[in-house]
Each structure stands twice: as structure tokens, then as C-alpha cells.
């Protein structure tokens, strides 16, 4: 496919050339991620907003104790409901 040159606008925007958009099956309003690796910028299509957030929050510990996390969430919800009922 090769290299294509495009211009950065005053707002920091660039147009992704048609052949690249088609190859990546990108449409208007699709999400993309930018990744800088060894001085090269990579464009990664994101097909799900759930996947777009993957890795955004680093775990406090590894391996994660999901049962503990679920228990804490349940307890916090229960406390919020009790507080709401008292008001």
C-alpha cells in the first residue's frame, strides 16, 4: 500500500487517505487509537468502545482478586442503598 503524505491542520487533524480507510474498514464516527512505538505512530481501528478502554486502568496488584473486588462493590452498593433509605 505504501506511504502517503498528508497535512496536519491548525487543529492537529489529519485526513486518513481513502485506501487506508478502506483497508481498515473505517467509517465516519469510528474510533481509532494512536500508539507510538520506537518513534513510529501506529493507527489502530477500535471496533468497540469497551475495547477502546482496555488497559486504560492498571490493576493495583497482580493477579487481581476479582472475588474481593466483587464483594467490595456489593458492600458499597448496599451501604449506598441503606443511606438512601434513611434519607
N, C-alpha and C. Protein backbone atom coordinates (compact mmCIF):
# COMPACT_ATOMS: atom_id res chain seq x y z
N UNK A 1 0.83 -1.19 0.00
CA UNK A 1 0.00 0.00 0.00
C UNK A 1 0.87 1.24 0.00
N UNK A 2 1.96 1.18 0.70
CA UNK A 2 2.90 2.28 0.62
C UNK A 2 2.64 3.43 1.56
N UNK A 3 3.39 4.46 1.37
CA UNK A 3 3.34 5.65 2.20
C UNK A 3 2.56 6.74 1.50
N UNK A 4 1.79 7.50 2.25
CA UNK A 4 1.05 8.65 1.71
C UNK A 4 1.34 9.84 2.60
N UNK A 5 1.47 11.00 2.01
CA UNK A 5 1.74 12.23 2.77
C UNK A 5 0.44 13.02 2.88
N UNK A 6 0.18 13.52 4.08
CA UNK A 6 -0.99 14.34 4.33
C UNK A 6 -0.56 15.51 5.20
N UNK A 7 -1.40 16.50 5.35
CA UNK A 7 -1.06 17.72 6.07
C UNK A 7 -1.79 17.79 7.40
N UNK A 8 -1.10 18.23 8.43
CA UNK A 8 -1.71 18.44 9.74
C UNK A 8 -2.34 19.83 9.73
N UNK A 9 -3.62 19.91 10.12
CA UNK A 9 -4.32 21.20 10.16
C UNK A 9 -3.93 21.97 11.41
N UNK A 10 -4.39 23.19 11.50
CA UNK A 10 -4.14 24.02 12.67
C UNK A 10 -4.74 23.43 13.94
N UNK A 11 -5.75 22.57 13.79
CA UNK A 11 -6.37 21.91 14.94
C UNK A 11 -5.70 20.57 15.26
N UNK A 12 -4.64 20.24 14.54
CA UNK A 12 -3.95 18.99 14.79
C UNK A 12 -4.60 17.79 14.13
N UNK A 13 -5.46 18.03 13.15
CA UNK A 13 -6.17 16.95 12.48
C UNK A 13 -5.48 16.57 11.17
N UNK A 14 -5.64 15.31 10.80
CA UNK A 14 -5.15 14.84 9.50
C UNK A 14 -6.24 14.02 8.84
N UNK A 15 -6.20 13.92 7.53
CA UNK A 15 -7.12 13.08 6.80
C UNK A 15 -6.45 11.74 6.54
N UNK A 16 -7.15 10.66 6.88
CA UNK A 16 -6.63 9.33 6.59
C UNK A 16 -6.97 9.05 5.13
N UNK A 17 -5.97 8.79 4.29
CA UNK A 17 -6.25 8.56 2.88
C UNK A 17 -7.26 7.42 2.66
N UNK A 18 -8.07 7.56 1.61
CA UNK A 18 -9.15 6.62 1.30
C UNK A 18 -8.68 5.18 1.29
N UNK A 19 -7.57 4.89 0.65
CA UNK A 19 -7.14 3.49 0.54
C UNK A 19 -6.83 2.89 1.91
N UNK A 20 -6.34 3.69 2.85
CA UNK A 20 -6.08 3.19 4.20
C UNK A 20 -7.39 3.01 4.96
N UNK A 21 -8.31 3.98 4.82
CA UNK A 21 -9.62 3.85 5.47
C UNK A 21 -10.33 2.59 4.98
N UNK A 22 -10.28 2.36 3.67
CA UNK A 22 -10.93 1.17 3.13
C UNK A 22 -10.26 -0.10 3.61
N UNK A 23 -8.94 -0.12 3.64
CA UNK A 23 -8.21 -1.32 4.08
C UNK A 23 -8.52 -1.64 5.54
N UNK A 24 -8.72 -0.60 6.36
CA UNK A 24 -9.03 -0.79 7.78
C UNK A 24 -10.53 -0.83 8.05
N UNK A 25 -11.32 -0.68 6.98
CA UNK A 25 -12.79 -0.68 7.07
C UNK A 25 -13.29 0.39 8.04
N UNK A 26 -12.69 1.58 7.96
CA UNK A 26 -13.08 2.70 8.81
C UNK A 26 -14.18 3.50 8.15
N UNK A 27 -15.16 3.87 8.97
CA UNK A 27 -16.26 4.71 8.50
C UNK A 27 -16.32 5.96 9.39
N UNK A 28 -17.13 6.92 8.98
CA UNK A 28 -17.31 8.12 9.80
C UNK A 28 -17.78 7.72 11.19
N UNK A 29 -17.25 8.37 12.19
CA UNK A 29 -17.57 8.18 13.61
C UNK A 29 -16.91 6.95 14.23
N UNK A 30 -16.18 6.15 13.45
CA UNK A 30 -15.44 5.02 14.03
C UNK A 30 -14.35 5.57 14.94
N UNK A 31 -13.94 4.77 15.89
CA UNK A 31 -12.88 5.14 16.82
C UNK A 31 -11.57 4.52 16.36
N UNK A 32 -10.49 5.24 16.60
CA UNK A 32 -9.15 4.73 16.32
C UNK A 32 -8.26 5.05 17.52
N UNK A 33 -7.23 4.27 17.68
CA UNK A 33 -6.24 4.52 18.73
C UNK A 33 -4.92 4.84 18.06
N UNK A 34 -4.15 5.70 18.69
CA UNK A 34 -2.81 6.02 18.22
C UNK A 34 -1.83 5.41 19.21
N UNK A 35 -0.79 4.79 18.68
CA UNK A 35 0.21 4.18 19.53
C UNK A 35 1.59 4.56 18.99
N UNK A 36 2.43 5.09 19.85
CA UNK A 36 3.77 5.48 19.46
C UNK A 36 4.75 4.40 19.90
N UNK A 37 5.40 3.75 18.92
CA UNK A 37 6.32 2.64 19.21
C UNK A 37 7.63 2.90 18.48
N UNK A 38 8.69 3.06 19.24
CA UNK A 38 10.01 3.27 18.65
C UNK A 38 10.02 4.39 17.61
N UNK A 39 9.36 5.49 17.91
CA UNK A 39 9.34 6.65 17.02
C UNK A 39 8.39 6.54 15.85
N UNK A 40 7.63 5.44 15.76
CA UNK A 40 6.64 5.29 14.68
C UNK A 40 5.24 5.35 15.28
N UNK A 41 4.35 6.05 14.59
CA UNK A 41 2.97 6.18 15.03
C UNK A 41 2.13 5.12 14.34
N UNK A 42 1.39 4.37 15.14
CA UNK A 42 0.51 3.33 14.60
C UNK A 42 -0.93 3.76 14.79
N UNK A 43 -1.74 3.47 13.80
CA UNK A 43 -3.17 3.76 13.84
C UNK A 43 -3.89 2.43 13.97
N UNK A 44 -4.68 2.29 15.04
CA UNK A 44 -5.34 1.02 15.32
C UNK A 44 -6.84 1.24 15.34
N UNK A 45 -7.59 0.57 14.44
CA UNK A 45 -9.04 0.71 14.47
C UNK A 45 -9.63 0.09 15.73
N UNK A 46 -10.57 0.78 16.34
CA UNK A 46 -11.24 0.29 17.55
C UNK A 46 -12.69 0.02 17.18
N UNK A 47 -13.08 -1.22 17.23
CA UNK A 47 -14.43 -1.61 16.81
C UNK A 47 -15.43 -1.58 17.96
N UNK A 48 -14.97 -1.47 19.19
CA UNK A 48 -15.86 -1.45 20.33
C UNK A 48 -15.36 -0.43 21.34
N UNK A 49 -16.28 0.36 21.90
CA UNK A 49 -15.86 1.33 22.90
C UNK A 49 -15.38 0.61 24.16
N UNK A 50 -15.89 -0.59 24.39
CA UNK A 50 -15.41 -1.38 25.52
C UNK A 50 -13.94 -1.73 25.32
N UNK A 51 -13.60 -2.15 24.11
CA UNK A 51 -12.21 -2.48 23.81
C UNK A 51 -11.32 -1.25 23.82
N UNK A 52 -11.89 -0.10 23.49
CA UNK A 52 -11.11 1.14 23.47
C UNK A 52 -10.56 1.47 24.85
N UNK A 53 -11.29 1.09 25.89
CA UNK A 53 -10.86 1.37 27.24
C UNK A 53 -9.95 0.31 27.83
N UNK A 54 -9.77 -0.79 27.12
CA UNK A 54 -8.97 -1.90 27.65
C UNK A 54 -7.55 -1.43 27.95
N UNK A 55 -7.11 -1.71 29.15
CA UNK A 55 -5.75 -1.36 29.55
C UNK A 55 -5.60 0.06 30.04
N UNK A 56 -6.68 0.84 30.03
CA UNK A 56 -6.60 2.23 30.45
C UNK A 56 -6.35 2.36 31.95
N UNK A 57 -6.82 1.38 32.72
CA UNK A 57 -6.65 1.40 34.16
C UNK A 57 -5.75 0.23 34.54
N UNK A 58 -4.65 0.53 35.16
CA UNK A 58 -3.71 -0.51 35.58
C UNK A 58 -4.17 -1.10 36.91
N UNK A 59 -4.12 -2.43 37.06
CA UNK A 59 -4.53 -3.04 38.32
C UNK A 59 -3.58 -2.66 39.45
N UNK A 60 -4.12 -2.62 40.67
CA UNK A 60 -3.30 -2.31 41.84
C UNK A 60 -2.36 -3.45 42.16
N UNK A 61 -2.79 -4.65 41.85
CA UNK A 61 -1.98 -5.83 42.14
C UNK A 61 -2.22 -6.88 41.08
N UNK A 62 -1.27 -7.78 40.93
CA UNK A 62 -1.42 -8.91 40.01
C UNK A 62 -1.08 -10.17 40.76
N UNK A 63 -1.78 -11.24 40.61
CA UNK A 63 -3.05 -11.32 39.89
C UNK A 63 -4.14 -10.61 40.68
N UNK A 64 -5.12 -10.12 39.97
CA UNK A 64 -6.22 -9.41 40.61
C UNK A 64 -7.14 -10.40 41.33
N UNK A 65 -7.65 -9.99 42.47
CA UNK A 65 -8.57 -10.81 43.25
C UNK A 65 -9.99 -10.33 42.90
N UNK A 66 -10.55 -10.92 41.84
CA UNK A 66 -11.86 -10.48 41.36
C UNK A 66 -12.97 -10.75 42.37
N UNK A 67 -12.85 -11.81 43.12
CA UNK A 67 -13.88 -12.10 44.13
C UNK A 67 -13.90 -11.01 45.19
N UNK A 68 -12.73 -10.56 45.62
CA UNK A 68 -12.65 -9.46 46.59
C UNK A 68 -13.24 -8.18 46.02
N UNK A 69 -12.93 -7.91 44.75
CA UNK A 69 -13.44 -6.70 44.09
C UNK A 69 -14.97 -6.75 44.02
N UNK A 70 -15.53 -7.90 43.63
CA UNK A 70 -16.99 -8.06 43.57
C UNK A 70 -17.62 -7.84 44.95
N UNK A 71 -17.00 -8.43 45.98
CA UNK A 71 -17.51 -8.29 47.35
C UNK A 71 -17.52 -6.82 47.78
N UNK A 72 -16.43 -6.11 47.49
CA UNK A 72 -16.34 -4.69 47.86
C UNK A 72 -17.40 -3.86 47.14
N UNK A 73 -17.63 -4.17 45.86
CA UNK A 73 -18.66 -3.43 45.10
C UNK A 73 -20.04 -3.69 45.69
N UNK A 74 -20.34 -4.97 46.00
CA UNK A 74 -21.63 -5.30 46.61
C UNK A 74 -21.82 -4.57 47.93
N UNK A 75 -20.77 -4.56 48.77
CA UNK A 75 -20.86 -3.88 50.07
C UNK A 75 -21.09 -2.38 49.90
N UNK A 76 -20.37 -1.76 48.95
CA UNK A 76 -20.54 -0.32 48.72
C UNK A 76 -21.94 -0.01 48.22
N UNK A 77 -22.46 -0.85 47.33
CA UNK A 77 -23.84 -0.65 46.85
C UNK A 77 -24.83 -0.76 48.00
N UNK A 78 -24.64 -1.79 48.84
CA UNK A 78 -25.55 -1.99 49.96
C UNK A 78 -25.53 -0.78 50.90
N UNK A 79 -24.34 -0.27 51.18
CA UNK A 79 -24.23 0.92 52.04
C UNK A 79 -24.95 2.12 51.42
N UNK A 80 -24.81 2.29 50.11
CA UNK A 80 -25.46 3.41 49.43
C UNK A 80 -26.97 3.28 49.50
N UNK A 81 -27.48 2.07 49.33
CA UNK A 81 -28.93 1.84 49.39
C UNK A 81 -29.44 2.12 50.80
N UNK A 82 -28.74 1.62 51.82
CA UNK A 82 -29.15 1.87 53.20
C UNK A 82 -29.15 3.37 53.51
N UNK A 83 -28.13 4.06 53.06
CA UNK A 83 -28.05 5.51 53.31
C UNK A 83 -29.22 6.22 52.63
N UNK A 84 -29.54 5.78 51.40
CA UNK A 84 -30.65 6.38 50.66
C UNK A 84 -31.98 6.12 51.36
N UNK A 85 -32.15 4.93 51.92
CA UNK A 85 -33.40 4.58 52.60
C UNK A 85 -33.59 5.41 53.87
N UNK A 86 -32.50 5.77 54.54
CA UNK A 86 -32.57 6.55 55.77
C UNK A 86 -32.92 8.00 55.51
N UNK A 87 -32.65 8.47 54.29
CA UNK A 87 -32.88 9.89 53.99
C UNK A 87 -34.32 10.18 53.69
